[in-house]
N, C-alpha and C. Protein backbone atom coordinates (compact mmCIF):
# COMPACT_ATOMS: atom_id res chain seq x y z
N ALA A 1 9.34 12.62 -20.72
CA ALA A 1 9.80 13.99 -20.53
C ALA A 1 8.84 14.90 -21.29
N VAL A 2 8.46 15.99 -20.61
CA VAL A 2 7.57 16.96 -21.23
C VAL A 2 8.21 18.34 -21.16
N ASP A 3 7.81 19.19 -22.11
CA ASP A 3 8.34 20.56 -22.10
C ASP A 3 7.40 21.47 -21.33
N ARG A 4 7.72 22.75 -21.32
CA ARG A 4 6.95 23.75 -20.58
C ARG A 4 5.51 23.82 -21.06
N ASP A 5 5.27 23.48 -22.33
CA ASP A 5 3.92 23.50 -22.89
C ASP A 5 3.16 22.20 -22.67
N LEU A 6 3.74 21.31 -21.86
CA LEU A 6 3.13 20.02 -21.54
C LEU A 6 3.04 19.08 -22.74
N ALA A 7 3.94 19.27 -23.68
CA ALA A 7 4.02 18.38 -24.84
C ALA A 7 5.07 17.32 -24.54
N ILE A 8 4.77 16.10 -24.90
CA ILE A 8 5.71 15.00 -24.65
C ILE A 8 6.89 15.15 -25.60
N ARG A 9 8.09 15.14 -25.03
CA ARG A 9 9.31 15.23 -25.83
C ARG A 9 10.04 13.91 -25.89
N PHE A 10 9.78 13.04 -24.91
CA PHE A 10 10.36 11.69 -24.91
C PHE A 10 9.44 10.79 -24.11
N ILE A 11 9.23 9.58 -24.63
CA ILE A 11 8.47 8.57 -23.90
C ILE A 11 9.12 7.23 -24.15
N ASN A 12 9.48 6.53 -23.08
CA ASN A 12 10.17 5.25 -23.26
C ASN A 12 9.18 4.12 -23.57
N GLN A 13 9.72 2.99 -23.96
CA GLN A 13 8.90 1.84 -24.37
C GLN A 13 7.97 1.35 -23.25
N PRO A 14 8.48 1.21 -22.01
CA PRO A 14 7.55 0.76 -20.95
C PRO A 14 6.37 1.71 -20.75
N ALA A 15 6.59 3.02 -20.87
CA ALA A 15 5.48 3.98 -20.72
C ALA A 15 4.50 3.83 -21.88
N GLN A 16 5.02 3.60 -23.08
CA GLN A 16 4.13 3.40 -24.22
C GLN A 16 3.29 2.15 -24.03
N GLN A 17 3.89 1.10 -23.51
CA GLN A 17 3.14 -0.13 -23.25
C GLN A 17 2.11 0.09 -22.14
N LEU A 18 2.52 0.81 -21.10
CA LEU A 18 1.63 1.09 -19.98
C LEU A 18 0.36 1.79 -20.44
N PHE A 19 0.52 2.81 -21.27
CA PHE A 19 -0.62 3.61 -21.71
C PHE A 19 -1.19 3.15 -23.05
N GLY A 20 -0.62 2.11 -23.64
CA GLY A 20 -1.16 1.57 -24.88
C GLY A 20 -1.08 2.52 -26.04
N CYS A 21 0.08 3.12 -26.22
CA CYS A 21 0.23 4.08 -27.32
C CYS A 21 1.61 3.91 -27.96
N GLU A 22 1.67 4.24 -29.23
CA GLU A 22 2.95 4.26 -29.94
C GLU A 22 3.15 5.68 -30.44
N LEU A 23 4.05 6.39 -29.76
CA LEU A 23 4.27 7.79 -30.08
C LEU A 23 5.70 8.01 -30.54
N ASP A 24 5.85 8.94 -31.46
CA ASP A 24 7.17 9.38 -31.87
C ASP A 24 7.20 10.90 -31.72
N PRO A 25 7.61 11.39 -30.52
CA PRO A 25 7.60 12.83 -30.27
C PRO A 25 8.49 13.63 -31.22
N ALA A 26 9.42 12.97 -31.87
CA ALA A 26 10.28 13.68 -32.83
C ALA A 26 9.50 14.05 -34.09
N ARG A 27 8.44 13.32 -34.40
CA ARG A 27 7.67 13.57 -35.62
C ARG A 27 6.42 14.41 -35.40
N SER A 28 5.86 14.35 -34.17
CA SER A 28 4.61 15.06 -33.93
C SER A 28 4.52 15.47 -32.47
N VAL A 29 3.68 16.47 -32.19
CA VAL A 29 3.48 16.94 -30.83
C VAL A 29 2.33 16.16 -30.21
N TYR A 30 2.57 15.64 -29.01
CA TYR A 30 1.55 14.90 -28.27
C TYR A 30 1.38 15.53 -26.89
N PRO A 31 0.20 16.01 -26.57
CA PRO A 31 -0.02 16.57 -25.23
C PRO A 31 0.02 15.46 -24.17
N LEU A 32 0.52 15.81 -23.00
CA LEU A 32 0.59 14.85 -21.90
C LEU A 32 -0.77 14.26 -21.58
N LEU A 33 -1.80 15.09 -21.58
CA LEU A 33 -3.15 14.64 -21.25
C LEU A 33 -3.63 13.55 -22.21
N LEU A 34 -3.17 13.58 -23.45
CA LEU A 34 -3.55 12.56 -24.43
C LEU A 34 -3.09 11.17 -23.99
N VAL A 35 -1.99 11.11 -23.28
CA VAL A 35 -1.44 9.83 -22.85
C VAL A 35 -1.98 9.41 -21.49
N THR A 36 -1.94 10.33 -20.51
CA THR A 36 -2.31 9.95 -19.14
C THR A 36 -3.82 10.02 -18.88
N HIS A 37 -4.54 10.81 -19.65
CA HIS A 37 -5.98 10.98 -19.48
C HIS A 37 -6.32 11.45 -18.06
N ASN A 38 -5.39 12.14 -17.43
CA ASN A 38 -5.61 12.62 -16.07
C ASN A 38 -5.04 14.04 -15.96
N PRO A 39 -5.89 15.04 -15.79
CA PRO A 39 -5.41 16.42 -15.71
C PRO A 39 -4.50 16.69 -14.52
N GLU A 40 -4.55 15.82 -13.50
CA GLU A 40 -3.67 15.99 -12.34
C GLU A 40 -2.20 15.90 -12.74
N THR A 41 -1.88 15.11 -13.77
CA THR A 41 -0.48 15.02 -14.19
C THR A 41 0.00 16.36 -14.73
N GLU A 42 -0.87 17.05 -15.45
CA GLU A 42 -0.51 18.38 -15.95
C GLU A 42 -0.32 19.37 -14.81
N LEU A 43 -1.22 19.32 -13.83
CA LEU A 43 -1.09 20.20 -12.67
C LEU A 43 0.22 19.94 -11.92
N MET A 44 0.58 18.67 -11.81
CA MET A 44 1.85 18.32 -11.14
C MET A 44 3.04 18.93 -11.87
N VAL A 45 3.05 18.78 -13.19
CA VAL A 45 4.17 19.30 -13.98
C VAL A 45 4.23 20.82 -13.84
N ASN A 46 3.10 21.48 -13.97
CA ASN A 46 3.08 22.94 -13.83
C ASN A 46 3.59 23.38 -12.46
N HIS A 47 3.16 22.69 -11.43
CA HIS A 47 3.60 23.03 -10.08
C HIS A 47 5.10 22.77 -9.92
N ALA A 48 5.57 21.66 -10.45
CA ALA A 48 7.01 21.34 -10.37
C ALA A 48 7.83 22.41 -11.08
N LEU A 49 7.36 22.85 -12.23
CA LEU A 49 8.09 23.87 -12.99
C LEU A 49 8.01 25.24 -12.31
N ASP A 50 6.84 25.59 -11.81
CA ASP A 50 6.69 26.89 -11.15
C ASP A 50 7.51 26.96 -9.87
N GLN A 51 7.51 25.89 -9.11
CA GLN A 51 8.22 25.86 -7.83
C GLN A 51 9.67 25.39 -7.96
N GLN A 52 10.01 24.86 -9.15
CA GLN A 52 11.32 24.25 -9.38
C GLN A 52 11.61 23.24 -8.27
N GLN A 53 10.61 22.38 -8.06
CA GLN A 53 10.67 21.41 -6.98
C GLN A 53 9.99 20.10 -7.39
N TYR A 54 10.60 19.02 -7.00
CA TYR A 54 10.08 17.68 -7.23
C TYR A 54 8.66 17.56 -6.66
N GLN A 55 7.76 16.93 -7.41
CA GLN A 55 6.38 16.70 -6.97
C GLN A 55 6.08 15.21 -7.04
N ALA A 56 5.30 14.72 -6.10
CA ALA A 56 4.89 13.31 -6.10
C ALA A 56 3.46 13.22 -5.59
N ARG A 57 2.65 12.43 -6.29
CA ARG A 57 1.26 12.20 -5.89
C ARG A 57 0.84 10.81 -6.31
N GLU A 58 -0.09 10.27 -5.57
CA GLU A 58 -0.71 9.01 -5.98
C GLU A 58 -1.94 9.36 -6.80
N LEU A 59 -1.98 8.85 -8.03
CA LEU A 59 -3.08 9.14 -8.94
C LEU A 59 -3.63 7.84 -9.52
N THR A 60 -4.92 7.83 -9.75
CA THR A 60 -5.54 6.72 -10.45
C THR A 60 -5.45 7.02 -11.94
N LEU A 61 -4.83 6.11 -12.68
CA LEU A 61 -4.62 6.31 -14.11
C LEU A 61 -5.27 5.19 -14.90
N GLN A 62 -5.75 5.53 -16.07
CA GLN A 62 -6.29 4.52 -16.99
C GLN A 62 -5.13 3.96 -17.79
N THR A 63 -4.86 2.68 -17.64
CA THR A 63 -3.76 2.03 -18.34
C THR A 63 -4.30 0.89 -19.19
N GLU A 64 -3.41 0.21 -19.85
CA GLU A 64 -3.81 -0.96 -20.64
C GLU A 64 -4.40 -2.06 -19.76
N GLN A 65 -4.02 -2.09 -18.49
CA GLN A 65 -4.54 -3.09 -17.55
C GLN A 65 -5.77 -2.58 -16.80
N GLY A 66 -6.31 -1.44 -17.20
CA GLY A 66 -7.46 -0.85 -16.52
C GLY A 66 -7.00 0.23 -15.56
N GLU A 67 -7.94 0.71 -14.74
CA GLU A 67 -7.59 1.74 -13.77
C GLU A 67 -6.70 1.16 -12.69
N GLN A 68 -5.59 1.86 -12.43
CA GLN A 68 -4.66 1.43 -11.41
C GLN A 68 -4.10 2.64 -10.69
N LEU A 69 -3.64 2.42 -9.47
CA LEU A 69 -3.09 3.49 -8.66
C LEU A 69 -1.58 3.57 -8.89
N TYR A 70 -1.11 4.77 -9.20
CA TYR A 70 0.31 4.99 -9.48
C TYR A 70 0.85 6.12 -8.62
N LEU A 71 2.09 5.95 -8.19
CA LEU A 71 2.84 7.06 -7.60
C LEU A 71 3.48 7.76 -8.78
N VAL A 72 3.03 8.98 -9.04
CA VAL A 72 3.52 9.76 -10.17
C VAL A 72 4.46 10.82 -9.62
N THR A 73 5.65 10.91 -10.20
CA THR A 73 6.60 11.95 -9.79
C THR A 73 6.90 12.84 -10.98
N ALA A 74 7.09 14.12 -10.68
CA ALA A 74 7.47 15.09 -11.70
C ALA A 74 8.70 15.83 -11.18
N SER A 75 9.80 15.71 -11.91
CA SER A 75 11.05 16.37 -11.53
C SER A 75 11.40 17.41 -12.58
N PRO A 76 11.50 18.67 -12.18
CA PRO A 76 11.80 19.72 -13.16
C PRO A 76 13.26 19.64 -13.64
N PHE A 77 13.47 20.06 -14.88
CA PHE A 77 14.84 20.17 -15.39
C PHE A 77 14.93 21.42 -16.26
N GLN A 78 16.14 21.93 -16.35
CA GLN A 78 16.41 23.08 -17.22
C GLN A 78 17.73 22.83 -17.92
N SER A 79 17.76 23.16 -19.18
CA SER A 79 19.00 23.13 -19.93
C SER A 79 19.13 24.46 -20.67
N LYS A 80 20.17 24.59 -21.44
CA LYS A 80 20.37 25.84 -22.19
C LYS A 80 19.23 26.09 -23.18
N HIS A 81 18.68 25.01 -23.71
CA HIS A 81 17.71 25.14 -24.80
C HIS A 81 16.26 24.84 -24.40
N SER A 82 16.06 24.24 -23.23
CA SER A 82 14.68 23.88 -22.90
C SER A 82 14.46 23.80 -21.40
N GLU A 83 13.18 23.74 -21.07
CA GLU A 83 12.75 23.58 -19.69
C GLU A 83 11.61 22.58 -19.73
N GLY A 84 11.56 21.74 -18.72
CA GLY A 84 10.48 20.76 -18.69
C GLY A 84 10.55 19.93 -17.42
N ALA A 85 9.94 18.76 -17.50
CA ALA A 85 9.90 17.87 -16.35
C ALA A 85 9.98 16.42 -16.82
N ILE A 86 10.60 15.63 -15.97
CA ILE A 86 10.65 14.18 -16.19
C ILE A 86 9.58 13.57 -15.30
N LEU A 87 8.72 12.77 -15.88
CA LEU A 87 7.67 12.08 -15.12
C LEU A 87 8.03 10.61 -15.01
N SER A 88 7.75 10.06 -13.84
CA SER A 88 7.89 8.60 -13.68
C SER A 88 6.61 8.07 -13.06
N PHE A 89 6.30 6.84 -13.39
CA PHE A 89 5.07 6.20 -12.94
C PHE A 89 5.41 4.88 -12.28
N HIS A 90 5.05 4.76 -11.00
CA HIS A 90 5.32 3.54 -10.25
C HIS A 90 4.00 2.97 -9.75
N ASN A 91 3.68 1.77 -10.19
CA ASN A 91 2.41 1.14 -9.83
C ASN A 91 2.42 0.77 -8.34
N VAL A 92 1.50 1.36 -7.58
CA VAL A 92 1.39 1.06 -6.15
C VAL A 92 0.05 0.40 -5.82
N SER A 93 -0.67 -0.04 -6.84
CA SER A 93 -1.99 -0.67 -6.64
C SER A 93 -1.89 -1.87 -5.71
N GLN A 94 -0.95 -2.75 -6.00
CA GLN A 94 -0.82 -3.97 -5.19
C GLN A 94 -0.38 -3.64 -3.77
N ALA A 95 0.53 -2.69 -3.63
CA ALA A 95 0.98 -2.30 -2.29
C ALA A 95 -0.16 -1.74 -1.47
N ARG A 96 -1.00 -0.91 -2.07
CA ARG A 96 -2.13 -0.34 -1.34
C ARG A 96 -3.16 -1.41 -1.01
N GLN A 97 -3.35 -2.36 -1.91
CA GLN A 97 -4.28 -3.46 -1.65
C GLN A 97 -3.77 -4.30 -0.48
N LEU A 98 -2.46 -4.55 -0.45
CA LEU A 98 -1.89 -5.31 0.66
C LEU A 98 -2.02 -4.55 1.97
N GLN A 99 -1.82 -3.23 1.94
CA GLN A 99 -2.00 -2.43 3.14
C GLN A 99 -3.44 -2.50 3.64
N LYS A 100 -4.39 -2.46 2.71
CA LYS A 100 -5.80 -2.55 3.08
C LYS A 100 -6.10 -3.91 3.71
N MET A 101 -5.57 -4.96 3.10
CA MET A 101 -5.78 -6.31 3.63
C MET A 101 -5.17 -6.44 5.02
N ARG A 102 -3.98 -5.86 5.20
CA ARG A 102 -3.31 -5.92 6.50
C ARG A 102 -4.15 -5.18 7.55
N SER A 103 -4.68 -4.02 7.20
CA SER A 103 -5.51 -3.26 8.14
C SER A 103 -6.76 -4.03 8.52
N GLU A 104 -7.40 -4.65 7.52
CA GLU A 104 -8.59 -5.46 7.80
C GLU A 104 -8.24 -6.65 8.67
N PHE A 105 -7.08 -7.27 8.41
CA PHE A 105 -6.64 -8.41 9.21
C PHE A 105 -6.44 -7.99 10.67
N VAL A 106 -5.76 -6.86 10.87
CA VAL A 106 -5.52 -6.38 12.24
C VAL A 106 -6.85 -6.09 12.94
N ALA A 107 -7.79 -5.48 12.23
CA ALA A 107 -9.10 -5.20 12.83
C ALA A 107 -9.81 -6.49 13.22
N ASN A 108 -9.76 -7.50 12.35
CA ASN A 108 -10.40 -8.78 12.64
C ASN A 108 -9.72 -9.49 13.81
N VAL A 109 -8.39 -9.48 13.82
CA VAL A 109 -7.65 -10.14 14.90
C VAL A 109 -7.96 -9.45 16.23
N THR A 110 -7.99 -8.13 16.22
CA THR A 110 -8.29 -7.39 17.44
C THR A 110 -9.66 -7.79 17.98
N HIS A 111 -10.63 -7.89 17.09
CA HIS A 111 -11.97 -8.30 17.51
C HIS A 111 -11.95 -9.72 18.07
N GLU A 112 -11.25 -10.62 17.37
CA GLU A 112 -11.19 -12.01 17.81
C GLU A 112 -10.47 -12.16 19.15
N LEU A 113 -9.50 -11.30 19.44
CA LEU A 113 -8.80 -11.37 20.72
C LEU A 113 -9.64 -10.76 21.84
N ARG A 114 -10.38 -9.71 21.53
CA ARG A 114 -11.18 -9.05 22.57
C ARG A 114 -12.33 -9.92 23.05
N THR A 115 -12.91 -10.72 22.18
CA THR A 115 -14.08 -11.52 22.55
C THR A 115 -13.77 -12.47 23.71
N PRO A 116 -12.73 -13.33 23.60
CA PRO A 116 -12.46 -14.21 24.75
C PRO A 116 -11.96 -13.44 25.98
N LEU A 117 -11.23 -12.35 25.76
CA LEU A 117 -10.75 -11.57 26.90
C LEU A 117 -11.91 -10.97 27.68
N THR A 118 -12.90 -10.46 26.97
CA THR A 118 -14.08 -9.89 27.62
C THR A 118 -14.81 -10.96 28.42
N SER A 119 -14.93 -12.13 27.83
CA SER A 119 -15.59 -13.24 28.52
C SER A 119 -14.82 -13.63 29.78
N ILE A 120 -13.51 -13.77 29.65
CA ILE A 120 -12.67 -14.15 30.80
C ILE A 120 -12.80 -13.11 31.91
N ARG A 121 -12.70 -11.85 31.57
CA ARG A 121 -12.78 -10.79 32.58
C ARG A 121 -14.14 -10.78 33.26
N GLY A 122 -15.20 -11.02 32.50
CA GLY A 122 -16.54 -11.04 33.08
C GLY A 122 -16.70 -12.17 34.08
N PHE A 123 -16.20 -13.34 33.72
CA PHE A 123 -16.33 -14.49 34.64
C PHE A 123 -15.45 -14.30 35.87
N ILE A 124 -14.27 -13.74 35.71
CA ILE A 124 -13.39 -13.48 36.87
C ILE A 124 -14.06 -12.48 37.82
N GLU A 125 -14.64 -11.43 37.25
CA GLU A 125 -15.32 -10.43 38.08
C GLU A 125 -16.48 -11.06 38.86
N THR A 126 -17.24 -11.91 38.19
CA THR A 126 -18.37 -12.57 38.86
C THR A 126 -17.87 -13.48 39.97
N LEU A 127 -16.78 -14.19 39.70
CA LEU A 127 -16.20 -15.06 40.74
C LEU A 127 -15.75 -14.24 41.94
N ARG A 128 -15.13 -13.11 41.70
CA ARG A 128 -14.65 -12.25 42.79
C ARG A 128 -15.80 -11.68 43.61
N GLU A 129 -16.94 -11.48 42.98
CA GLU A 129 -18.09 -10.90 43.68
C GLU A 129 -18.86 -11.93 44.50
N GLY A 130 -18.33 -13.14 44.61
CA GLY A 130 -18.95 -14.12 45.50
C GLY A 130 -19.28 -15.45 44.87
N ALA A 131 -19.29 -15.56 43.56
CA ALA A 131 -19.63 -16.82 42.92
C ALA A 131 -18.59 -17.90 43.21
N VAL A 132 -17.40 -17.50 43.65
CA VAL A 132 -16.35 -18.46 43.96
C VAL A 132 -16.75 -19.35 45.14
N HIS A 133 -17.68 -18.87 45.98
CA HIS A 133 -18.12 -19.65 47.15
C HIS A 133 -19.18 -20.68 46.79
N ASN A 134 -19.70 -20.65 45.57
CA ASN A 134 -20.67 -21.65 45.11
C ASN A 134 -19.90 -22.60 44.20
N PRO A 135 -19.55 -23.80 44.69
CA PRO A 135 -18.67 -24.72 43.94
C PRO A 135 -19.17 -25.07 42.54
N ASP A 136 -20.46 -25.27 42.36
CA ASP A 136 -20.98 -25.63 41.04
C ASP A 136 -20.79 -24.48 40.04
N VAL A 137 -21.13 -23.27 40.47
CA VAL A 137 -20.99 -22.09 39.61
C VAL A 137 -19.51 -21.82 39.34
N ALA A 138 -18.69 -21.93 40.39
CA ALA A 138 -17.25 -21.66 40.25
C ALA A 138 -16.61 -22.63 39.26
N ASP A 139 -16.95 -23.92 39.36
CA ASP A 139 -16.38 -24.91 38.43
C ASP A 139 -16.80 -24.63 36.99
N ARG A 140 -18.08 -24.27 36.80
CA ARG A 140 -18.57 -23.98 35.45
C ARG A 140 -17.86 -22.74 34.89
N PHE A 141 -17.71 -21.69 35.70
CA PHE A 141 -17.04 -20.47 35.26
C PHE A 141 -15.57 -20.73 34.95
N LEU A 142 -14.91 -21.52 35.80
CA LEU A 142 -13.49 -21.83 35.56
C LEU A 142 -13.32 -22.64 34.28
N GLU A 143 -14.27 -23.51 34.00
CA GLU A 143 -14.23 -24.28 32.75
C GLU A 143 -14.36 -23.35 31.54
N ILE A 144 -15.27 -22.40 31.63
CA ILE A 144 -15.44 -21.43 30.54
C ILE A 144 -14.18 -20.58 30.39
N ILE A 145 -13.61 -20.14 31.50
CA ILE A 145 -12.37 -19.36 31.45
C ILE A 145 -11.27 -20.17 30.79
N ASP A 146 -11.17 -21.45 31.12
CA ASP A 146 -10.16 -22.33 30.52
C ASP A 146 -10.38 -22.46 29.01
N ILE A 147 -11.62 -22.61 28.57
CA ILE A 147 -11.94 -22.72 27.14
C ILE A 147 -11.55 -21.43 26.41
N GLU A 148 -11.90 -20.29 27.01
CA GLU A 148 -11.58 -19.00 26.38
C GLU A 148 -10.07 -18.75 26.36
N ALA A 149 -9.36 -19.16 27.41
CA ALA A 149 -7.90 -19.01 27.45
C ALA A 149 -7.27 -19.88 26.36
N ASP A 150 -7.81 -21.08 26.16
CA ASP A 150 -7.31 -21.95 25.10
C ASP A 150 -7.57 -21.33 23.72
N ARG A 151 -8.72 -20.71 23.58
CA ARG A 151 -9.05 -20.03 22.33
C ARG A 151 -8.05 -18.90 22.06
N LEU A 152 -7.73 -18.12 23.09
CA LEU A 152 -6.72 -17.07 22.96
C LEU A 152 -5.37 -17.65 22.56
N HIS A 153 -5.00 -18.75 23.19
CA HIS A 153 -3.72 -19.40 22.89
C HIS A 153 -3.66 -19.82 21.41
N ARG A 154 -4.73 -20.41 20.90
CA ARG A 154 -4.77 -20.83 19.49
C ARG A 154 -4.67 -19.62 18.56
N LEU A 155 -5.39 -18.54 18.88
CA LEU A 155 -5.34 -17.33 18.05
C LEU A 155 -3.92 -16.76 18.00
N ILE A 156 -3.28 -16.68 19.14
CA ILE A 156 -1.92 -16.14 19.19
C ILE A 156 -0.96 -17.07 18.44
N SER A 157 -1.12 -18.36 18.57
CA SER A 157 -0.28 -19.31 17.83
C SER A 157 -0.45 -19.15 16.32
N ASP A 158 -1.70 -18.95 15.89
CA ASP A 158 -1.96 -18.73 14.45
C ASP A 158 -1.30 -17.45 13.97
N ILE A 159 -1.37 -16.39 14.77
CA ILE A 159 -0.75 -15.12 14.39
C ILE A 159 0.76 -15.29 14.28
N LEU A 160 1.36 -15.99 15.23
CA LEU A 160 2.81 -16.22 15.18
C LEU A 160 3.19 -17.07 13.98
N ALA A 161 2.37 -18.05 13.64
CA ALA A 161 2.64 -18.88 12.45
C ALA A 161 2.58 -18.03 11.19
N LEU A 162 1.60 -17.14 11.09
CA LEU A 162 1.51 -16.25 9.94
C LEU A 162 2.74 -15.34 9.86
N SER A 163 3.19 -14.88 11.00
CA SER A 163 4.37 -14.02 11.03
C SER A 163 5.60 -14.76 10.54
N GLU A 164 5.75 -16.02 10.95
CA GLU A 164 6.88 -16.83 10.48
C GLU A 164 6.81 -17.07 8.98
N ILE A 165 5.63 -17.33 8.46
CA ILE A 165 5.46 -17.53 7.02
C ILE A 165 5.83 -16.26 6.28
N GLU A 166 5.39 -15.11 6.79
CA GLU A 166 5.70 -13.83 6.16
C GLU A 166 7.21 -13.58 6.17
N ASP A 167 7.87 -13.91 7.26
CA ASP A 167 9.33 -13.74 7.35
C ASP A 167 10.05 -14.62 6.34
N MET A 168 9.56 -15.85 6.14
CA MET A 168 10.20 -16.76 5.19
C MET A 168 10.02 -16.28 3.76
N ALA A 169 8.94 -15.53 3.50
CA ALA A 169 8.67 -15.05 2.15
C ALA A 169 9.61 -13.92 1.74
N ALA A 170 10.32 -13.35 2.71
CA ALA A 170 11.24 -12.26 2.40
C ALA A 170 12.37 -12.77 1.52
N ASP A 171 12.85 -11.91 0.63
CA ASP A 171 13.92 -12.26 -0.29
C ASP A 171 15.23 -12.38 0.48
N THR A 172 15.80 -13.58 0.46
CA THR A 172 17.07 -13.80 1.17
C THR A 172 18.25 -13.81 0.21
N ASP A 173 17.99 -13.75 -1.07
CA ASP A 173 19.05 -13.78 -2.08
C ASP A 173 19.41 -12.35 -2.49
N ILE A 174 19.95 -11.59 -1.55
CA ILE A 174 20.29 -10.19 -1.79
C ILE A 174 21.81 -10.06 -1.70
N GLU A 175 22.36 -9.38 -2.67
CA GLU A 175 23.80 -9.14 -2.63
C GLU A 175 24.10 -7.77 -3.23
N ASP A 176 25.19 -7.16 -2.76
CA ASP A 176 25.62 -5.88 -3.29
C ASP A 176 26.37 -6.11 -4.59
N PHE A 177 26.29 -5.13 -5.50
CA PHE A 177 27.01 -5.22 -6.75
C PHE A 177 27.35 -3.83 -7.23
N ASP A 178 28.33 -3.75 -8.12
CA ASP A 178 28.76 -2.48 -8.67
C ASP A 178 27.88 -2.15 -9.87
N LEU A 179 27.03 -1.13 -9.75
CA LEU A 179 26.10 -0.77 -10.80
C LEU A 179 26.84 -0.33 -12.07
N ASN A 180 27.96 0.36 -11.93
CA ASN A 180 28.73 0.79 -13.08
C ASN A 180 29.29 -0.40 -13.87
N ALA A 181 29.70 -1.43 -13.16
CA ALA A 181 30.24 -2.62 -13.84
C ALA A 181 29.14 -3.31 -14.61
């Protein structure tokens, strides 16, 4: 929690561990920038306070584990005695890395699927243009089409197997509970 002057008024233990600092805001004033080392966090807080509106951005922050990508949120608050914002930090580095890997996988799969399809279509077109009447050429082209179709079948089977593995990795031990209890 920070006040209007961007001084830290409260910092919990996980945040202290994240940024590698031991602060006691009750004893001394600590600027937000001293902890986050990113001026964007200050801009977020100022904007949240000026607009009286929740702000969220993905920022690269220097942490004890090195530079990592965080979803930083700033929520303004007002009380009788003070005004400020509550900041929260959610590490999204792994999620973004997984998204990047998924995008690269889709691009690679698309390329791998297009290659045999292009080959099959080319041989079919050639057969339709008259090569079907030459038995030796037709047999050779049909053999190539069969090989490429088998290649497509294997690729699709691999993709389906990956999908099944991903589905099994989902958490199945989920149950509702009373948070107050």
